[in-house]
């Protein structure tokens, strides 16, 4: 199952995409507009997905928004008779 999480916010500059999963990284524009955050959210998400052997992809365009994609495996539990 492919999951997409998207927003229509300020977007992320291409030069910062490789940094957004780094612990404590905050986009410079969010610091200036008064938005609070620890810079841990995406780090935690990536770590949880990696524990499940799932990767995350990012597409972003400045002043348009950002989309995150990941593919969650669907497991079927079969009962033994």
C-alpha atoms as a PDB file:
ATOM      1  CA  UNK A   1       0.000   0.000   0.000  1.00  0.00           C
ATOM      2  CA  UNK A   2       1.535   3.320  -1.061  1.00  0.00           C
ATOM      3  CA  UNK A   3       1.001   6.110   1.461  1.00  0.00           C
ATOM      4  CA  UNK A   4       1.276   9.760   0.456  1.00  0.00           C
ATOM      5  CA  UNK A   5       1.435  12.607   2.959  1.00  0.00           C
ATOM      6  CA  UNK A   6       1.329  16.025   1.304  1.00  0.00           C
ATOM      7  CA  UNK A   7       0.955  19.688   2.114  1.00  0.00           C
ATOM      8  CA  UNK A   8       0.558  22.908   0.173  1.00  0.00           C
ATOM      9  CA  UNK A   9       3.036  24.858   2.261  1.00  0.00           C
ATOM     10  CA  UNK A  10       6.231  26.717   1.448  1.00  0.00           C
ATOM     11  CA  UNK A  11       7.993  23.658   0.065  1.00  0.00           C
ATOM     12  CA  UNK A  12      11.597  22.646   0.658  1.00  0.00           C
ATOM     13  CA  UNK A  13      14.489  23.961  -1.434  1.00  0.00           C
ATOM     14  CA  UNK A  14      16.161  21.159  -3.412  1.00  0.00           C
ATOM     15  CA  UNK A  15      19.488  21.854  -1.682  1.00  0.00           C
ATOM     16  CA  UNK A  16      17.847  21.032   1.680  1.00  0.00           C
ATOM     17  CA  UNK A  17      16.061  17.800   0.709  1.00  0.00           C
ATOM     18  CA  UNK A  18      19.080  15.688   1.668  1.00  0.00           C
ATOM     19  CA  UNK A  19      19.144  17.329   5.130  1.00  0.00           C
ATOM     20  CA  UNK A  20      15.523  17.106   6.229  1.00  0.00           C
ATOM     21  CA  UNK A  21      15.890  13.709   7.890  1.00  0.00           C
ATOM     22  CA  UNK A  22      18.923  14.851   9.925  1.00  0.00           C
ATOM     23  CA  UNK A  23      18.299  15.167  13.636  1.00  0.00           C
ATOM     24  CA  UNK A  24      17.478  18.760  14.703  1.00  0.00           C
ATOM     25  CA  UNK A  25      17.449  20.105  11.139  1.00  0.00           C
ATOM     26  CA  UNK A  26      14.966  22.930  10.634  1.00  0.00           C
ATOM     27  CA  UNK A  27      14.211  24.687   7.379  1.00  0.00           C
ATOM     28  CA  UNK A  28      15.486  28.256   7.645  1.00  0.00           C
ATOM     29  CA  UNK A  29      12.137  29.828   6.588  1.00  0.00           C
ATOM     30  CA  UNK A  30      10.228  28.123   9.403  1.00  0.00           C
ATOM     31  CA  UNK A  31      12.601  29.695  11.928  1.00  0.00           C
ATOM     32  CA  UNK A  32      11.806  33.159  10.585  1.00  0.00           C
ATOM     33  CA  UNK A  33       8.017  32.841  10.509  1.00  0.00           C
ATOM     34  CA  UNK A  34       7.619  31.876  14.156  1.00  0.00           C
ATOM     35  CA  UNK A  35       6.820  28.188  13.676  1.00  0.00           C
ATOM     36  CA  UNK A  36       8.081  26.022  16.501  1.00  0.00           C
ATOM     37  CA  UNK A  37       9.525  22.562  16.175  1.00  0.00           C
ATOM     38  CA  UNK A  38      12.334  20.413  17.467  1.00  0.00           C
ATOM     39  CA  UNK A  39      13.630  19.151  14.139  1.00  0.00           C
ATOM     40  CA  UNK A  40      13.033  15.568  15.283  1.00  0.00           C
ATOM     41  CA  UNK A  41       9.778  14.616  13.553  1.00  0.00           C
ATOM     42  CA  UNK A  42      11.104  13.457  10.188  1.00  0.00           C
ATOM     43  CA  UNK A  43      14.080  11.775  11.859  1.00  0.00           C
ATOM     44  CA  UNK A  44      11.697   9.715  13.997  1.00  0.00           C
ATOM     45  CA  UNK A  45       9.473   8.867  11.012  1.00  0.00           C
ATOM     46  CA  UNK A  46      12.446   7.715   8.941  1.00  0.00           C
ATOM     47  CA  UNK A  47      13.801   5.585  11.806  1.00  0.00           C
ATOM     48  CA  UNK A  48      10.435   3.878  12.335  1.00  0.00           C
ATOM     49  CA  UNK A  49      10.082   3.156   8.620  1.00  0.00           C
ATOM     50  CA  UNK A  50      13.633   1.791   8.431  1.00  0.00           C
ATOM     51  CA  UNK A  51      12.846  -0.603  11.301  1.00  0.00           C
ATOM     52  CA  UNK A  52      10.114  -1.987   9.043  1.00  0.00           C
ATOM     53  CA  UNK A  53      12.495  -2.046   6.051  1.00  0.00           C
ATOM     54  CA  UNK A  54      10.531   0.695   4.304  1.00  0.00           C
ATOM     55  CA  UNK A  55      12.100   3.675   2.550  1.00  0.00           C
ATOM     56  CA  UNK A  56      10.620   7.149   2.235  1.00  0.00           C
ATOM     57  CA  UNK A  57      10.711   9.397  -0.830  1.00  0.00           C
ATOM     58  CA  UNK A  58      10.258  13.162  -0.971  1.00  0.00           C
ATOM     59  CA  UNK A  59       9.099  15.488  -3.711  1.00  0.00           C
ATOM     60  CA  UNK A  60       8.968  19.192  -3.058  1.00  0.00           C
ATOM     61  CA  UNK A  61       8.527  22.399  -4.988  1.00  0.00           C
ATOM     62  CA  UNK A  62       9.061  25.762  -3.347  1.00  0.00           C
ATOM     63  CA  UNK A  63       5.856  27.779  -2.813  1.00  0.00           C
ATOM     64  CA  UNK A  64       3.797  24.753  -3.930  1.00  0.00           C
ATOM     65  CA  UNK A  65       4.287  22.096  -1.252  1.00  0.00           C
ATOM     66  CA  UNK A  66       5.909  18.828  -0.291  1.00  0.00           C
ATOM     67  CA  UNK A  67       4.873  15.190  -0.650  1.00  0.00           C
ATOM     68  CA  UNK A  68       6.286  12.194   1.196  1.00  0.00           C
ATOM     69  CA  UNK A  69       5.737   8.667  -0.130  1.00  0.00           C
ATOM     70  CA  UNK A  70       6.328   5.281   1.438  1.00  0.00           C
ATOM     71  CA  UNK A  71       5.184   1.788   0.600  1.00  0.00           C
ATOM     72  CA  UNK A  72       3.785  -0.214   3.514  1.00  0.00           C
ATOM     73  CA  UNK A  73       3.752  -3.951   2.965  1.00  0.00           C
ATOM     74  CA  UNK A  74       0.433  -5.652   3.564  1.00  0.00           C
ATOM     75  CA  UNK A  75       0.734  -8.960   5.347  1.00  0.00           C
ATOM     76  CA  UNK A  76      -1.964 -11.586   5.321  1.00  0.00           C
ATOM     77  CA  UNK A  77      -2.035 -13.673   8.445  1.00  0.00           C
ATOM     78  CA  UNK A  78      -2.968 -17.248   7.646  1.00  0.00           C
ATOM     79  CA  UNK A  79      -4.321 -19.383  10.415  1.00  0.00           C
ATOM     80  CA  UNK A  80      -3.001 -22.899  10.693  1.00  0.00           C
ATOM     81  CA  UNK A  81      -5.653 -25.574  11.006  1.00  0.00           C
END
